[in-house]
N, C-alpha and C. Protein backbone atom coordinates (compact mmCIF):
# COMPACT_ATOMS: atom_id res chain seq x y z
N MET A 1 0.81 -1.12 0.02
CA MET A 1 0.02 0.02 -0.08
C MET A 1 1.25 1.24 0.02
N ALA A 2 0.46 2.12 -0.55
CA ALA A 2 0.98 3.40 -0.73
C ALA A 2 1.01 4.17 0.05
N LEU A 3 2.17 5.15 0.74
CA LEU A 3 1.78 5.90 1.67
C LEU A 3 1.16 7.37 1.11
N ILE A 4 0.30 7.80 2.43
CA ILE A 4 -0.57 9.49 1.83
C ILE A 4 0.09 10.09 2.73
N TYR A 5 0.14 10.87 2.57
CA TYR A 5 0.51 12.28 3.19
C TYR A 5 -0.57 13.45 3.12
N ARG A 6 -1.20 13.89 4.25
CA ARG A 6 -2.05 14.71 4.06
C ARG A 6 -2.24 15.17 5.39
N SER A 7 -3.42 16.59 5.33
CA SER A 7 -3.19 17.33 6.67
C SER A 7 -3.87 16.21 7.90
N GLY A 8 -3.40 16.50 9.02
CA GLY A 8 -4.15 16.05 9.68
C GLY A 8 -5.31 16.44 10.37
N ALA A 9 -6.16 15.82 11.12
CA ALA A 9 -7.47 16.39 11.62
C ALA A 9 -7.72 15.64 13.02
N ALA A 10 -8.72 15.95 13.81
CA ALA A 10 -8.52 16.15 15.56
C ALA A 10 -9.00 14.37 15.37
N SER A 11 -9.80 13.73 14.56
CA SER A 11 -9.66 12.11 14.30
C SER A 11 -8.16 11.69 14.49
N ASP A 12 -7.29 12.18 14.22
CA ASP A 12 -5.97 11.95 14.37
C ASP A 12 -5.00 11.54 15.22
N LEU A 13 -6.05 12.55 16.37
CA LEU A 13 -5.11 12.78 17.44
C LEU A 13 -5.02 11.71 18.47
N PRO A 14 -5.62 10.54 18.71
CA PRO A 14 -5.31 9.21 19.51
C PRO A 14 -4.15 8.87 18.93
N ALA A 15 -3.67 8.28 17.61
CA ALA A 15 -2.64 7.80 16.87
C ALA A 15 -1.59 8.93 17.25
N VAL A 16 -1.65 10.01 16.96
CA VAL A 16 -0.47 11.02 16.75
C VAL A 16 -0.01 10.94 18.67
N PHE A 17 -0.75 10.77 19.48
CA PHE A 17 -0.48 10.89 20.82
C PHE A 17 -0.05 9.62 21.08
N GLU A 18 -0.70 8.75 20.70
CA GLU A 18 0.29 7.01 21.21
C GLU A 18 1.49 7.10 20.39
N LEU A 19 1.92 7.62 19.52
CA LEU A 19 3.30 7.82 18.57
C LEU A 19 4.43 8.60 19.65
N ASN A 20 3.32 10.00 19.62
CA ASN A 20 4.37 10.54 20.05
C ASN A 20 4.70 10.38 21.66
N ARG A 21 3.65 9.33 22.83
CA ARG A 21 4.15 8.79 24.10
C ARG A 21 5.27 7.97 23.87
N GLN A 22 5.42 6.89 22.52
CA GLN A 22 5.87 5.71 22.05
C GLN A 22 7.35 6.43 22.01
N THR A 23 7.92 7.60 21.15
CA THR A 23 8.87 7.71 20.64
C THR A 23 9.45 9.32 20.92
N LEU A 24 8.88 10.23 21.69
CA LEU A 24 9.74 11.22 22.09
C LEU A 24 9.60 11.27 23.70
N VAL A 25 11.01 11.64 24.03
CA VAL A 25 10.92 11.62 25.93
C VAL A 25 9.98 12.85 26.51
N GLU A 26 10.24 13.88 25.68
CA GLU A 26 9.20 14.90 26.37
C GLU A 26 7.84 15.26 25.33
N TYR A 27 7.19 13.70 25.65
CA TYR A 27 6.08 13.88 24.75
C TYR A 27 4.92 14.87 25.43
N TRP A 28 3.83 15.27 24.56
CA TRP A 28 2.69 15.89 24.89
C TRP A 28 1.66 15.39 26.01
N SER A 29 0.42 16.00 26.42
CA SER A 29 -0.32 15.13 27.08
C SER A 29 -1.22 15.16 25.85
N TYR A 30 -2.36 14.57 25.89
CA TYR A 30 -3.41 14.55 25.15
C TYR A 30 -4.17 15.64 24.93
N GLU A 31 -4.49 16.08 25.90
CA GLU A 31 -4.92 17.66 25.91
C GLU A 31 -4.57 18.41 25.60
N GLY A 32 -2.77 18.66 25.60
CA GLY A 32 -1.88 19.55 25.22
C GLY A 32 -2.11 19.62 23.50
N LEU A 33 -2.21 18.66 22.68
CA LEU A 33 -2.05 18.27 21.40
C LEU A 33 -3.53 18.60 20.93
N GLN A 34 -4.31 18.24 21.98
CA GLN A 34 -5.86 19.17 21.64
C GLN A 34 -6.00 20.62 21.47
N GLN A 35 -5.34 20.83 22.39
CA GLN A 35 -5.13 22.46 22.45
C GLN A 35 -4.32 23.14 21.48
N ALA A 36 -3.46 22.26 21.04
CA ALA A 36 -2.53 23.05 20.01
C ALA A 36 -3.15 22.95 18.65
N ILE A 37 -3.89 21.94 18.13
CA ILE A 37 -4.81 21.98 17.18
C ILE A 37 -5.77 23.00 17.35
N LYS A 38 -6.50 23.34 18.01
CA LYS A 38 -7.45 24.14 18.74
C LYS A 38 -6.89 25.80 18.81
N ASP A 39 -5.59 26.01 18.65
CA ASP A 39 -5.19 26.89 18.56
C ASP A 39 -4.52 27.36 17.56
N GLY A 40 -4.49 26.43 16.39
CA GLY A 40 -4.31 26.73 15.23
C GLY A 40 -3.20 26.04 14.65
N TYR A 41 -2.29 25.17 15.60
CA TYR A 41 -1.27 24.46 14.99
C TYR A 41 -1.38 23.42 13.66
N ASP A 42 -0.67 23.01 12.71
CA ASP A 42 -0.65 22.40 11.90
C ASP A 42 -0.04 21.13 11.88
N LEU A 43 -1.03 20.28 11.19
CA LEU A 43 -0.81 18.38 11.71
C LEU A 43 -0.64 18.18 10.38
N MET A 44 0.43 17.48 9.79
CA MET A 44 0.94 16.93 8.61
C MET A 44 1.15 15.41 9.16
N VAL A 45 0.33 14.49 8.74
CA VAL A 45 0.28 12.91 8.78
C VAL A 45 0.71 12.29 7.73
N CYS A 46 1.38 11.17 7.39
CA CYS A 46 1.80 10.04 6.91
C CYS A 46 1.06 8.63 7.50
N MET A 47 0.19 8.63 6.48
CA MET A 47 -0.75 7.13 6.61
C MET A 47 -0.39 5.95 6.18
N ASP A 48 -0.44 4.70 6.49
CA ASP A 48 -0.15 3.36 5.96
C ASP A 48 -1.72 2.90 5.62
N GLY A 49 -2.46 3.30 4.88
CA GLY A 49 -3.85 2.70 5.32
C GLY A 49 -4.29 3.70 6.22
N THR A 50 -5.01 2.81 7.42
CA THR A 50 -5.29 3.24 8.60
C THR A 50 -4.28 3.27 9.86
N SER A 51 -3.28 3.16 9.00
CA SER A 51 -2.28 3.35 10.42
C SER A 51 -1.24 4.22 10.13
N LEU A 52 -0.89 5.18 11.52
CA LEU A 52 0.09 6.02 11.09
C LEU A 52 1.19 6.24 11.14
N ALA A 53 2.08 6.39 10.19
CA ALA A 53 3.25 6.05 10.19
C ALA A 53 4.29 7.18 10.85
N GLY A 54 3.65 8.47 10.60
CA GLY A 54 4.56 9.44 10.88
C GLY A 54 3.87 11.33 10.92
N TYR A 55 4.03 11.95 11.95
CA TYR A 55 3.49 13.24 11.59
C TYR A 55 4.35 14.39 11.75
N LEU A 56 4.24 15.30 11.41
CA LEU A 56 4.80 16.41 11.78
C LEU A 56 3.48 17.38 12.50
N LEU A 57 4.23 18.34 13.34
CA LEU A 57 3.11 19.50 14.05
C LEU A 57 4.32 20.69 13.85
N SER A 58 3.84 21.58 13.17
CA SER A 58 4.35 23.01 13.16
C SER A 58 3.12 24.23 13.69
N HIS A 59 3.51 25.53 14.02
CA HIS A 59 3.66 26.25 14.25
C HIS A 59 3.87 27.66 13.50
N ASP A 60 3.09 28.23 13.05
CA ASP A 60 3.40 29.65 12.16
C ASP A 60 3.25 30.67 13.78
N VAL A 61 4.16 31.68 13.65
CA VAL A 61 4.32 32.91 14.68
C VAL A 61 4.66 34.20 13.46
N ILE A 62 3.93 34.74 13.32
CA ILE A 62 3.95 35.94 12.24
C ILE A 62 4.67 35.18 11.15
N ASP A 63 5.92 35.37 10.81
CA ASP A 63 6.47 34.95 9.35
C ASP A 63 7.71 33.59 9.77
N GLU A 64 7.25 33.26 10.95
CA GLU A 64 8.48 32.22 10.83
C GLU A 64 7.02 30.67 11.42
N VAL A 65 7.72 29.77 11.00
CA VAL A 65 7.35 28.60 11.27
C VAL A 65 8.17 27.68 12.20
N HIS A 66 7.42 27.42 13.36
CA HIS A 66 7.80 26.65 14.09
C HIS A 66 7.62 25.02 14.30
N ILE A 67 8.66 24.41 14.26
CA ILE A 67 8.70 22.71 14.08
C ILE A 67 8.49 22.08 15.77
N MET A 68 7.66 21.84 15.74
CA MET A 68 7.45 21.51 17.31
C MET A 68 7.73 20.27 17.51
N GLN A 69 7.34 19.49 16.65
CA GLN A 69 7.48 17.61 16.75
C GLN A 69 7.43 16.75 15.67
N ILE A 70 8.56 16.05 15.77
CA ILE A 70 8.51 15.12 13.84
C ILE A 70 8.86 13.80 14.89
N ALA A 71 7.55 12.98 14.49
CA ALA A 71 7.99 11.07 14.82
C ALA A 71 7.66 10.36 13.77
N VAL A 72 8.26 9.15 13.39
CA VAL A 72 7.92 8.27 12.39
C VAL A 72 7.85 7.36 13.38
N SER A 73 6.82 6.33 13.24
CA SER A 73 6.71 5.02 14.00
C SER A 73 8.16 4.16 13.70
N PRO A 74 8.84 3.32 14.90
CA PRO A 74 9.58 2.75 14.48
C PRO A 74 10.02 1.54 13.14
N GLU A 75 8.50 0.94 13.04
CA GLU A 75 8.52 0.11 12.10
C GLU A 75 8.77 0.96 10.44
N TYR A 76 8.60 2.13 10.74
CA TYR A 76 8.39 2.81 9.32
C TYR A 76 9.45 3.61 9.16
N ARG A 77 10.33 3.69 9.97
CA ARG A 77 11.77 4.37 10.14
C ARG A 77 12.75 3.91 8.95
N ARG A 78 13.37 4.87 8.45
CA ARG A 78 14.37 4.85 7.24
C ARG A 78 13.92 4.54 5.99
N ARG A 79 12.76 4.98 5.90
CA ARG A 79 11.88 5.10 4.76
C ARG A 79 11.73 6.30 3.98
N GLY A 80 12.47 7.23 4.84
CA GLY A 80 12.44 8.89 4.14
C GLY A 80 10.73 9.56 4.63
N ILE A 81 10.32 8.93 5.42
CA ILE A 81 9.24 9.72 6.08
C ILE A 81 9.38 11.28 6.36
N ALA A 82 10.08 11.33 7.56
CA ALA A 82 10.50 12.46 8.12
C ALA A 82 10.88 13.36 7.04
N LYS A 83 11.71 13.25 6.02
CA LYS A 83 12.06 13.81 4.89
C LYS A 83 11.25 14.25 4.26
N GLN A 84 10.25 13.33 3.87
CA GLN A 84 8.96 13.76 3.10
C GLN A 84 8.07 14.79 3.96
N LEU A 85 7.85 14.60 5.12
CA LEU A 85 7.01 15.67 5.91
C LEU A 85 7.70 16.64 6.09
N SER A 86 8.85 17.07 6.02
CA SER A 86 9.96 18.17 6.20
C SER A 86 9.59 18.90 4.83
N ARG A 87 9.87 18.05 3.71
CA ARG A 87 9.90 18.62 2.43
C ARG A 87 8.48 19.40 1.89
N LYS A 88 7.46 18.81 2.43
CA LYS A 88 6.43 19.30 2.16
C LYS A 88 5.75 20.11 3.11
N LEU A 89 6.44 20.51 4.28
CA LEU A 89 6.28 21.69 5.13
C LEU A 89 7.32 22.88 4.55
N ILE A 90 8.35 22.47 4.05
CA ILE A 90 8.92 23.58 3.70
C ILE A 90 8.47 24.08 2.40
N ALA A 91 7.94 23.46 1.63
CA ALA A 91 7.01 23.73 -0.13
C ALA A 91 5.92 24.71 0.52
N ALA A 92 5.07 24.22 1.35
CA ALA A 92 3.80 24.85 2.08
C ALA A 92 4.01 26.10 2.28
N LYS A 93 5.36 26.19 3.07
CA LYS A 93 5.47 27.57 3.67
C LYS A 93 6.84 28.46 2.92
N GLN A 94 6.71 28.44 1.97
CA GLN A 94 7.75 29.23 0.70
C GLN A 94 7.55 30.89 1.62
N GLY A 95 8.73 31.09 1.81
CA GLY A 95 8.88 32.77 1.76
C GLY A 95 9.13 33.01 3.51
N MET A 96 8.85 31.88 4.73
CA MET A 96 8.61 31.86 5.72
C MET A 96 10.49 31.27 6.45
N SER A 97 10.44 31.71 7.56
CA SER A 97 11.93 31.04 8.09
C SER A 97 11.12 29.72 9.12
N LEU A 98 11.87 28.76 8.78
CA LEU A 98 11.42 27.53 9.39
C LEU A 98 12.45 27.55 10.43
N LEU A 99 12.27 27.42 12.16
CA LEU A 99 12.99 26.98 13.32
C LEU A 99 12.68 25.68 13.79
N LEU A 100 13.68 25.20 14.67
CA LEU A 100 13.54 23.83 15.22
C LEU A 100 14.77 23.84 16.04
N GLU A 101 14.25 23.21 17.21
CA GLU A 101 15.78 22.42 18.40
C GLU A 101 15.41 20.97 18.14
N VAL A 102 16.37 20.65 18.40
CA VAL A 102 17.07 19.22 18.17
C VAL A 102 17.84 19.06 19.23
N ARG A 103 17.72 17.86 19.99
CA ARG A 103 19.06 17.14 20.73
C ARG A 103 20.26 17.32 20.70
N ALA A 104 21.05 17.82 21.04
CA ALA A 104 22.50 17.85 20.97
C ALA A 104 23.01 16.46 20.08
N SER A 105 22.63 15.36 20.83
CA SER A 105 22.93 13.96 20.61
C SER A 105 22.05 13.33 19.58
N ASN A 106 21.59 13.90 18.91
CA ASN A 106 20.61 13.49 17.51
C ASN A 106 21.13 13.96 16.78
N HIS A 107 22.15 13.23 16.08
CA HIS A 107 23.06 13.77 15.25
C HIS A 107 22.34 12.88 14.02
N ALA A 108 21.23 11.95 13.96
CA ALA A 108 20.69 11.76 12.55
C ALA A 108 19.79 12.77 12.12
N ALA A 109 19.11 13.12 13.37
CA ALA A 109 18.29 14.24 12.85
C ALA A 109 19.03 15.63 12.19
N GLN A 110 19.63 15.80 12.53
CA GLN A 110 20.67 16.96 12.14
C GLN A 110 21.17 16.81 11.74
N SER A 111 21.81 15.48 10.81
CA SER A 111 22.02 15.41 9.45
C SER A 111 21.06 15.62 8.66
N LEU A 112 19.74 14.97 8.80
CA LEU A 112 18.79 15.66 7.78
C LEU A 112 18.38 16.59 7.56
N TYR A 113 18.36 17.21 8.62
CA TYR A 113 17.98 18.97 8.52
C TYR A 113 19.16 19.40 7.57
N ILE A 114 20.14 19.06 7.90
CA ILE A 114 21.46 19.66 7.20
C ILE A 114 21.07 19.49 5.54
N LYS A 115 20.80 18.52 5.28
CA LYS A 115 20.25 17.87 3.70
C LYS A 115 19.11 18.57 3.11
N LEU A 116 18.36 19.07 4.07
CA LEU A 116 17.02 20.19 3.76
C LEU A 116 17.23 21.27 3.86
N GLY A 117 18.33 21.62 4.07
CA GLY A 117 18.59 22.88 4.14
C GLY A 117 19.06 23.78 5.25
N PHE A 118 18.63 23.26 6.17
CA PHE A 118 18.85 23.81 7.64
C PHE A 118 19.93 23.80 7.98
N SER A 119 20.26 24.97 8.78
CA SER A 119 21.62 25.36 9.29
C SER A 119 21.56 25.82 10.88
N SER A 120 22.63 25.19 11.64
CA SER A 120 22.56 25.40 12.89
C SER A 120 23.42 27.04 13.15
N TYR A 121 22.32 27.65 14.34
CA TYR A 121 22.58 28.96 14.89
C TYR A 121 22.63 29.20 15.93
N GLY A 122 22.65 28.39 16.82
CA GLY A 122 23.17 28.55 18.45
C GLY A 122 22.44 27.22 19.22
N LEU A 123 22.67 27.60 20.49
CA LEU A 123 22.40 26.39 21.17
C LEU A 123 21.19 27.20 22.63
N ARG A 124 20.46 25.83 22.88
CA ARG A 124 19.86 26.46 24.27
C ARG A 124 20.62 25.64 25.18
N LYS A 125 21.00 26.10 25.97
CA LYS A 125 21.82 25.32 27.28
C LYS A 125 20.52 24.50 27.99
N ASP A 126 20.82 23.30 28.35
CA ASP A 126 19.78 22.14 29.15
C ASP A 126 18.64 22.53 28.82
N TYR A 127 18.30 22.36 27.73
CA TYR A 127 17.07 22.35 27.27
C TYR A 127 16.14 21.20 27.68
N TYR A 128 16.64 20.15 27.17
CA TYR A 128 15.75 19.03 27.27
C TYR A 128 16.14 18.26 28.25
N ALA A 129 14.90 17.60 28.89
CA ALA A 129 15.10 16.89 30.21
C ALA A 129 16.09 15.49 29.99
N PRO A 130 16.62 15.11 31.15
CA PRO A 130 17.33 14.10 30.58
C PRO A 130 16.55 13.01 30.23
N ARG A 131 17.46 11.90 29.33
CA ARG A 131 16.65 10.69 29.23
C ARG A 131 16.43 9.95 29.87
N ASN A 132 17.37 9.52 30.76
CA ASN A 132 16.97 8.71 31.74
C ASN A 132 17.66 9.44 33.22
N HIS A 133 17.12 8.78 34.21
CA HIS A 133 17.20 9.35 35.56
C HIS A 133 18.88 9.22 35.75
N GLY A 134 18.88 10.68 36.42
CA GLY A 134 20.17 10.81 36.97
C GLY A 134 21.42 11.11 36.02
N GLU A 135 20.89 11.27 34.71
CA GLU A 135 21.56 12.02 33.85
C GLU A 135 21.38 13.08 33.63
N PRO A 136 22.39 14.10 33.05
CA PRO A 136 22.42 15.84 33.29
C PRO A 136 21.10 16.32 31.81
N ARG A 137 20.64 17.43 32.09
CA ARG A 137 20.02 17.58 31.29
C ARG A 137 20.91 18.20 29.73
N GLU A 138 19.94 18.19 28.98
CA GLU A 138 20.54 18.21 27.41
C GLU A 138 20.64 19.17 26.63
N ASP A 139 21.29 19.93 26.33
CA ASP A 139 21.36 20.97 25.26
C ASP A 139 20.30 20.69 24.18
N ALA A 140 20.13 21.70 23.54
CA ALA A 140 19.13 21.92 22.11
C ALA A 140 20.35 22.59 20.86
N VAL A 141 20.15 22.02 20.00
CA VAL A 141 20.83 22.87 18.83
C VAL A 141 19.45 23.67 18.05
N LEU A 142 19.82 24.73 17.91
CA LEU A 142 18.93 25.67 17.31
C LEU A 142 18.79 25.59 15.74
N MET A 143 18.41 25.37 15.31
CA MET A 143 18.42 25.18 13.61
C MET A 143 17.18 25.74 12.82
N GLN A 144 17.80 26.71 11.66
CA GLN A 144 16.91 27.37 10.83
C GLN A 144 16.87 26.95 9.00
N HIS A 145 15.85 27.12 8.54
CA HIS A 145 15.72 27.07 7.11
C HIS A 145 14.98 28.35 6.51
N GLN A 146 15.66 29.31 6.08
CA GLN A 146 15.22 30.36 5.05
C GLN A 146 14.73 29.86 4.13
N SER A 147 13.09 29.58 3.54
CA SER A 147 12.49 29.57 2.30
C SER A 147 12.85 30.22 1.56
N ASP A 148 12.71 30.14 0.23
CA ASP A 148 12.67 31.27 -1.03
C ASP A 148 11.11 31.80 -0.95
């Protein structure tokens, strides 16, 4: 079955929440995701039939787009889903600056973003909660893509 990329809807939130909870240390509550959609955040999903393969959550702030979350289900990784979701967002937000934070240790994500035309412009010290109890907080690498 072919993967389908489309705008997300409120009916996608249960699957988005579950993937969010399973894959992100700093996952949002279901209520937080609902509020984000009510507040006008954009949700893009990648579906394989009725299964959620991945999603991207972003928020427009004047002339900037903040990529809040991007997650791909483990069984769908290494198939270019995060790249396609990001490319679709870049194409949809022409003329806007896209911003994101990524864990300093997440070299795979940083490499993907660099291939998509993002560049690093700074650090947020101690931004992320530790992955495991007793570990230090982790810095966030700030990245930006300027759409044409």
